Amino acid sequence: MPRQSRIDAYGALHHVIVRGIARKKIFVDDEDRERFLDRLGTILKETGTVCFAWALIPNHFHLLLKTGPTILSTVMSRLLTGYAVSFNRRHRRWGHLFQNRYKSILCQEETYLRELTRYIHLNPLRAKLVADIKDLDEYKYCGHGVILGRYQNDWQDKNYILQRFGSDRFDAIREYRKFVVQGMDQGKISELTGGGLVRSAGGWSALKALRNAKIYVKGDERILGDDDFVQQSIKTANEQMERKYRLHTQGYDLDKIAMRVSDVLGVPMKKVLASGKNRETVQARSLLCYWAVRECGMAMTTLATRFELSSTAVGQSVIRGEKIALEKDFKLIPGC
């Protein structure tokens, strides 16, 4: 059976799980972990990807990410390829480091954000890397300690999580920790990491109750959410795929997109494709980057090379371009 394509979109929440091949270690010591986190932080900042939760276990790791201007597959490709090369060189080994391709589950944010954060941050305790909640509070290689304020990094959005537990910072930290403690006896929750229809229905008991009531829901291995969320996610993903294919067959390369930008903004093509910080050029380039990345699926690295910018700067351009397109109601294809 062929693999299903991944479902992704700007602002999508993903639970990502990556395992070592044959369950072997992918982190041998703290130097491996530090190298991985340095690489992860750099890539997240460059791609505008948000991380809410994470945990490093010797033979696997978990991430809870929200997609920014760069699609998840590009983010993970950079992370896994770069780390595997570094790990193999350091430990004088050859061959694959990771098991098959990484697993990513598109998640319904409002329903599962808190639960997934807790589940991911309890992994070191379940794996017996720490003895109890006090040890987990001090565990350096998990986002739990960052949310508590024990450790600092500039790529994990702890405030977004704490807002779910209260408006006062200290009260929110206390309530978050209490919530984590309440989940310590739950063990592994299969619905959060696999199960397709079971996961989307909220577990076997919920699914059985729905079936007894003659209510049938749609499930998908790639999605964690209720029936409406699953169906809407699949519909949106199919529409995006069809749109990108249509644009590709119609010859929408960088030059053709630039012509459209020139037309809607009334800016000469030379300015659209120019480098520099001229106001008209920045506005035109932002709209160009937005349509190229979001509509046509072009890599940000390609645009970064073309305009002699960093990937971070291209990501910022995509965000600016989206605002321009929405405010002015500009469409890449007229009438669409």
Protein backbone atom coordinates (compact mmCIF):
# COMPACT_ATOMS: atom_id res chain seq x y z
CA MET A 1 0.00 0.00 0.00
CA PRO A 2 1.58 3.35 -1.02
CA ARG A 3 2.39 5.89 1.65
CA GLN A 4 -0.08 8.71 2.05
CA SER A 5 1.27 12.21 1.54
CA ARG A 6 1.78 14.31 4.61
CA ILE A 7 -0.81 16.92 5.49
CA ASP A 8 0.61 20.34 6.22
CA ALA A 9 -0.35 24.01 6.07
CA TYR A 10 0.74 27.29 7.59
CA GLY A 11 -0.18 27.28 11.30
CA ALA A 12 -0.75 23.50 11.45
CA LEU A 13 0.10 21.73 14.72
CA HIS A 14 2.13 18.51 14.41
CA HIS A 15 3.22 15.85 16.86
CA VAL A 16 6.47 14.56 15.36
CA ILE A 17 8.06 11.29 16.45
CA VAL A 18 11.46 10.13 15.20
CA ARG A 19 13.02 6.79 16.17
CA GLY A 20 16.48 5.33 15.75
CA ILE A 21 16.88 2.50 13.26
CA ALA A 22 16.38 -0.93 14.87
CA ARG A 23 15.61 0.97 18.10
CA LYS A 24 19.27 1.93 18.43
CA LYS A 25 20.44 5.04 20.22
CA ILE A 26 20.45 8.33 18.36
CA PHE A 27 21.80 10.19 21.41
CA VAL A 28 24.81 8.51 23.01
CA ASP A 29 25.77 11.29 25.41
CA ASP A 30 25.09 14.90 26.34
CA GLU A 31 27.31 16.22 23.55
CA ASP A 32 25.02 14.52 21.02
CA ARG A 33 22.00 16.05 22.72
CA GLU A 34 23.54 19.53 22.80
CA ARG A 35 24.51 19.32 19.13
CA PHE A 36 20.99 18.23 18.22
CA LEU A 37 19.37 21.05 20.20
CA ASP A 38 21.72 23.65 18.69
CA ARG A 39 20.77 22.45 15.23
CA LEU A 40 17.07 22.26 16.10
CA GLY A 41 17.02 25.79 17.53
CA THR A 42 18.81 27.25 14.51
CA ILE A 43 16.49 25.58 12.01
CA LEU A 44 13.31 26.50 13.90
CA LYS A 45 14.32 30.17 14.02
CA GLU A 46 15.40 30.24 10.37
CA THR A 47 12.17 28.65 9.17
CA GLY A 48 9.76 30.43 11.51
CA THR A 49 8.62 27.11 12.98
CA VAL A 50 7.23 27.21 16.53
CA CYS A 51 7.99 24.53 19.11
CA PHE A 52 5.69 24.04 22.11
CA ALA A 53 7.00 20.77 23.57
CA TRP A 54 9.91 18.38 23.07
CA ALA A 55 11.69 15.48 24.73
CA LEU A 56 14.89 13.62 23.89
CA ILE A 57 15.02 9.90 24.73
CA PRO A 58 18.18 7.86 23.91
CA ASN A 59 16.59 6.06 20.92
CA HIS A 60 13.90 8.56 19.83
CA PHE A 61 12.55 12.07 20.27
CA HIS A 62 9.24 13.92 20.25
CA LEU A 63 8.48 17.44 18.99
CA LEU A 64 5.25 19.44 19.07
CA LEU A 65 5.60 21.95 16.24
CA LYS A 66 3.48 24.58 14.53
CA THR A 67 4.30 25.12 10.86
CA GLY A 68 5.54 28.57 9.84
CA PRO A 69 6.37 29.78 6.32
CA THR A 70 8.43 26.61 5.67
CA ILE A 71 6.63 23.28 5.26
CA LEU A 72 7.31 20.63 7.89
CA SER A 73 9.01 18.22 5.48
CA THR A 74 11.70 20.81 4.69
CA VAL A 75 12.26 21.54 8.38
CA MET A 76 12.60 17.86 9.24
CA SER A 77 14.78 17.09 6.24
CA ARG A 78 17.28 19.74 7.31
CA LEU A 79 17.19 18.61 10.93
CA LEU A 80 17.50 14.86 10.37
CA THR A 81 19.99 14.93 7.49
CA GLY A 82 22.30 17.38 9.20
CA TYR A 83 22.21 15.59 12.54
CA ALA A 84 22.72 12.14 10.99
CA VAL A 85 25.84 13.34 9.14
CA SER A 86 27.21 14.92 12.32
CA PHE A 87 26.38 11.87 14.47
CA ASN A 88 27.93 9.40 12.01
CA ARG A 89 31.08 11.46 11.69
CA ARG A 90 31.48 11.84 15.43
CA HIS A 91 30.87 8.16 16.21
CA ARG A 92 32.65 6.82 13.11
CA ARG A 93 29.64 4.94 11.82
CA TRP A 94 27.96 4.58 8.44
CA GLY A 95 24.46 4.02 7.17
CA HIS A 96 21.01 5.18 8.22
CA LEU A 97 20.51 6.60 11.69
CA PHE A 98 16.72 6.92 11.75
CA GLN A 99 13.97 4.33 11.31
CA ASN A 100 12.14 4.81 8.01
CA ARG A 101 10.67 8.28 7.66
CA TYR A 102 9.62 10.35 10.63
CA LYS A 103 6.04 10.14 11.89
CA SER A 104 3.98 13.32 11.97
CA ILE A 105 0.40 13.66 13.19
CA LEU A 106 -1.66 16.73 12.33
CA CYS A 107 -3.41 17.74 15.56
CA GLN A 108 -6.52 19.72 16.41
CA GLU A 109 -4.94 22.47 18.49
CA GLU A 110 -7.71 23.60 20.83
CA THR A 111 -8.61 20.04 21.76
CA TYR A 112 -5.17 18.47 22.10
CA LEU A 113 -2.50 21.15 22.69
CA ARG A 114 -2.45 20.81 26.50
CA GLU A 115 -2.75 17.03 26.45
CA LEU A 116 0.04 16.60 23.92
CA THR A 117 2.35 18.97 25.78
CA ARG A 118 1.88 16.92 28.95
CA TYR A 119 2.22 13.60 27.14
CA ILE A 120 5.46 14.60 25.42
CA HIS A 121 7.00 16.12 28.54
CA LEU A 122 6.27 12.99 30.59
CA ASN A 123 8.28 10.80 28.20
CA PRO A 124 11.54 10.95 30.22
CA LEU A 125 9.60 9.72 33.27
CA ARG A 126 7.96 6.88 31.34
CA ALA A 127 11.36 5.94 29.91
CA LYS A 128 12.80 5.92 33.45
CA LEU A 129 15.38 8.55 32.61
CA VAL A 130 14.21 10.39 35.72
CA ALA A 131 12.85 8.95 38.95
CA ASP A 132 10.03 11.34 39.78
CA ILE A 133 8.43 14.70 39.02
CA LYS A 134 11.15 16.60 40.91
CA ASP A 135 13.82 15.02 38.72
CA LEU A 136 11.71 15.77 35.64
CA ASP A 137 11.54 19.43 36.71
CA GLU A 138 15.34 19.52 36.50
CA TYR A 139 15.77 17.32 33.41
CA LYS A 140 17.66 19.39 30.88
CA TYR A 141 16.67 17.56 27.72
CA CYS A 142 12.92 18.12 27.78
CA GLY A 143 10.77 21.23 27.34
CA HIS A 144 9.08 20.75 30.74
CA GLY A 145 11.90 22.50 32.61
CA VAL A 146 11.78 25.40 30.16
CA ILE A 147 8.08 25.99 30.85
CA LEU A 148 8.81 25.94 34.59
CA GLY A 149 11.58 28.51 34.09
CA ARG A 150 14.40 26.19 35.19
CA TYR A 151 16.07 26.43 31.78
CA GLN A 152 16.01 28.98 28.97
CA ASN A 153 16.05 28.77 25.19
CA ASP A 154 14.90 31.17 22.50
CA TRP A 155 13.04 28.72 20.26
CA GLN A 156 10.40 27.15 22.53
CA ASP A 157 7.18 29.13 22.95
CA LYS A 158 6.46 28.48 26.63
CA ASN A 159 4.18 31.53 26.98
CA TYR A 160 1.68 30.13 24.48
CA ILE A 161 1.33 27.04 26.66
CA LEU A 162 1.20 28.92 29.96
CA GLN A 163 -1.63 31.10 28.64
CA ARG A 164 -3.75 27.94 28.68
CA PHE A 165 -3.29 27.68 32.45
CA GLY A 166 -3.93 31.23 33.63
CA SER A 167 -3.22 34.92 33.07
CA ASP A 168 -0.86 35.29 36.02
CA ARG A 169 2.53 33.80 35.18
CA PHE A 170 3.29 32.21 38.55
CA ASP A 171 -0.23 30.79 38.88
CA ALA A 172 -0.03 29.44 35.34
CA ILE A 173 3.27 27.65 36.04
CA ARG A 174 1.79 26.11 39.20
CA GLU A 175 -1.35 24.96 37.35
CA TYR A 176 0.71 23.59 34.44
CA ARG A 177 2.87 21.53 36.80
CA LYS A 178 -0.23 20.27 38.64
CA PHE A 179 -1.69 19.22 35.26
CA VAL A 180 1.51 17.30 34.43
CA VAL A 181 1.46 15.55 37.82
CA GLN A 182 -2.14 14.47 37.21
CA GLY A 183 -1.03 12.67 34.05
CA MET A 184 1.84 10.74 35.60
CA ASP A 185 -0.18 7.54 36.15
CA GLN A 186 -1.74 7.47 32.68
CA GLY A 187 1.08 5.58 31.02
CA LYS A 188 1.33 5.48 27.25
CA ILE A 189 -1.74 6.92 25.52
CA SER A 190 -1.96 5.18 22.13
CA GLU A 191 -4.52 7.63 20.75
CA LEU A 192 -1.90 10.40 20.87
CA THR A 193 0.68 8.49 18.82
CA GLY A 194 -1.23 6.12 16.57
CA GLY A 195 -4.50 4.44 15.80
CA GLY A 196 -6.10 6.50 13.05
CA LEU A 197 -9.85 6.20 13.56
CA VAL A 198 -9.40 5.24 17.21
CA ARG A 199 -7.26 8.31 17.76
CA SER A 200 -9.61 10.65 15.95
CA ALA A 201 -12.62 9.36 17.88
CA GLY A 202 -10.86 9.89 21.21
CA GLY A 203 -10.07 6.29 22.09
CA TRP A 204 -11.71 2.86 21.90
CA SER A 205 -14.39 3.60 24.50
CA ALA A 206 -15.46 6.78 22.72
CA LEU A 207 -15.46 5.03 19.35
CA LYS A 208 -17.55 2.13 20.70
CA ALA A 209 -20.06 4.56 22.22
CA LEU A 210 -20.38 6.38 18.89
CA ARG A 211 -20.93 3.12 17.02
CA ASN A 212 -23.52 1.96 19.55
CA ALA A 213 -25.35 5.21 18.86
CA LYS A 214 -25.01 4.46 15.12
CA ILE A 215 -22.75 7.49 14.65
CA TYR A 216 -19.88 6.83 12.29
CA VAL A 217 -16.82 9.07 12.11
CA LYS A 218 -13.98 9.44 9.68
CA GLY A 219 -10.45 8.65 10.82
CA ASP A 220 -7.03 9.09 9.25
CA GLU A 221 -3.62 7.85 10.42
CA ARG A 222 -2.18 11.29 9.79
CA ILE A 223 -4.67 13.26 11.88
CA LEU A 224 -5.62 13.64 15.56
CA GLY A 225 -8.96 15.40 15.88
CA ASP A 226 -12.72 15.07 15.76
CA ASP A 227 -14.69 14.03 12.70
CA ASP A 228 -15.16 17.58 11.36
CA PHE A 229 -11.47 18.38 11.80
CA VAL A 230 -10.40 15.18 10.02
CA GLN A 231 -12.72 15.77 7.06
CA GLN A 232 -11.82 19.46 6.75
CA SER A 233 -8.07 18.71 6.98
CA ILE A 234 -8.26 16.13 4.21
CA LYS A 235 -10.41 18.43 2.05
CA THR A 236 -8.00 21.36 2.51
CA ALA A 237 -4.94 19.19 1.83
CA ASN A 238 -6.47 17.85 -1.38
CA GLU A 239 -7.40 21.33 -2.54
CA GLN A 240 -3.89 22.62 -1.87
CA MET A 241 -2.34 19.70 -3.73
CA GLU A 242 -4.61 20.20 -6.72
CA ARG A 243 -3.91 23.94 -6.73
CA LYS A 244 -0.13 23.47 -6.68
CA TYR A 245 -0.37 20.91 -9.47
CA ARG A 246 -2.54 23.27 -11.55
CA LEU A 247 -0.12 26.16 -11.04
CA HIS A 248 2.80 23.94 -12.01
CA THR A 249 1.12 22.78 -15.22
CA GLN A 250 0.30 26.39 -16.07
CA GLY A 251 3.98 27.28 -15.91
CA TYR A 252 4.01 29.36 -12.74
CA ASP A 253 7.75 29.66 -12.18
CA LEU A 254 9.44 32.58 -10.42
CA ASP A 255 9.37 34.81 -13.51
CA LYS A 256 5.66 34.24 -14.13
CA ILE A 257 4.86 34.94 -10.48
CA ALA A 258 6.96 38.10 -10.67
CA MET A 259 4.97 39.22 -13.72
CA ARG A 260 1.75 38.84 -11.73
CA VAL A 261 3.24 40.81 -8.81
CA SER A 262 4.33 43.54 -11.23
CA ASP A 263 0.81 43.66 -12.65
CA VAL A 264 -1.13 43.90 -9.36
CA LEU A 265 1.27 46.37 -7.68
CA GLY A 266 2.08 48.42 -10.77
CA VAL A 267 5.80 47.95 -10.12
CA PRO A 268 8.35 47.31 -12.91
CA MET A 269 9.62 43.72 -13.16
CA LYS A 270 13.15 45.00 -12.47
CA LYS A 271 12.04 46.18 -9.01
CA VAL A 272 10.12 42.99 -8.26
CA LEU A 273 13.22 40.85 -8.81
CA ALA A 274 15.71 43.31 -7.35
CA SER A 275 17.63 43.01 -4.10
CA GLY A 276 17.78 45.86 -1.63
CA LYS A 277 15.53 47.61 0.88
CA ASN A 278 13.65 50.06 -1.31
CA ARG A 279 10.05 50.20 0.00
CA GLU A 280 8.45 49.23 -3.32
CA THR A 281 10.97 46.44 -3.84
CA VAL A 282 10.43 45.00 -0.34
CA GLN A 283 6.65 45.04 -0.79
CA ALA A 284 6.87 43.40 -4.22
CA ARG A 285 9.41 40.83 -3.07
CA SER A 286 7.21 39.97 -0.06
CA LEU A 287 4.19 39.26 -2.24
CA LEU A 288 6.40 37.29 -4.63
CA CYS A 289 7.80 35.17 -1.78
CA TYR A 290 4.33 34.54 -0.37
CA TRP A 291 2.91 33.29 -3.65
CA ALA A 292 6.06 31.32 -4.53
CA VAL A 293 6.26 29.50 -1.16
CA ARG A 294 2.64 29.13 -0.12
CA GLU A 295 0.87 28.82 -3.46
CA CYS A 296 3.49 27.09 -5.58
CA GLY A 297 5.46 25.19 -2.95
CA MET A 298 8.88 26.62 -3.84
CA ALA A 299 11.67 26.13 -1.32
CA MET A 300 12.64 29.14 0.77
CA THR A 301 16.30 28.24 0.24
CA THR A 302 15.80 28.76 -3.52
CA LEU A 303 14.43 32.26 -2.91
CA ALA A 304 17.12 32.98 -0.34
CA THR A 305 19.80 32.22 -2.93
CA ARG A 306 18.02 34.21 -5.64
CA PHE A 307 17.65 37.36 -3.53
CA GLU A 308 20.83 36.94 -1.47
CA LEU A 309 18.84 36.76 1.76
CA SER A 310 18.82 34.44 4.75
CA SER A 311 16.07 31.84 5.04
CA THR A 312 14.81 33.79 8.07
CA ALA A 313 14.46 36.94 5.96
CA VAL A 314 12.56 35.02 3.28
CA GLY A 315 10.24 33.65 5.96
CA GLN A 316 9.54 37.19 7.17
CA SER A 317 8.85 38.20 3.57
CA VAL A 318 6.30 35.40 3.24
CA ILE A 319 4.48 36.66 6.34
CA ARG A 320 4.49 40.26 5.05
CA GLY A 321 3.34 39.06 1.64
CA GLU A 322 0.39 37.22 3.15
CA LYS A 323 -0.75 40.40 4.90
CA ILE A 324 -0.49 42.36 1.65
CA ALA A 325 -2.45 39.74 -0.29
CA LEU A 326 -5.21 39.60 2.33
CA GLU A 327 -5.51 43.37 2.82
CA LYS A 328 -5.57 44.11 -0.92
CA ASP A 329 -7.40 40.90 -1.92
CA PHE A 330 -4.68 40.06 -4.43
CA LYS A 331 -4.87 36.66 -6.13
CA LEU A 332 -2.08 34.87 -7.95
CA ILE A 333 -4.62 33.66 -10.52
CA PRO A 334 -7.17 36.38 -11.32
CA GLY A 335 -10.67 35.40 -10.24
CA CYS A 336 -9.49 32.43 -8.11
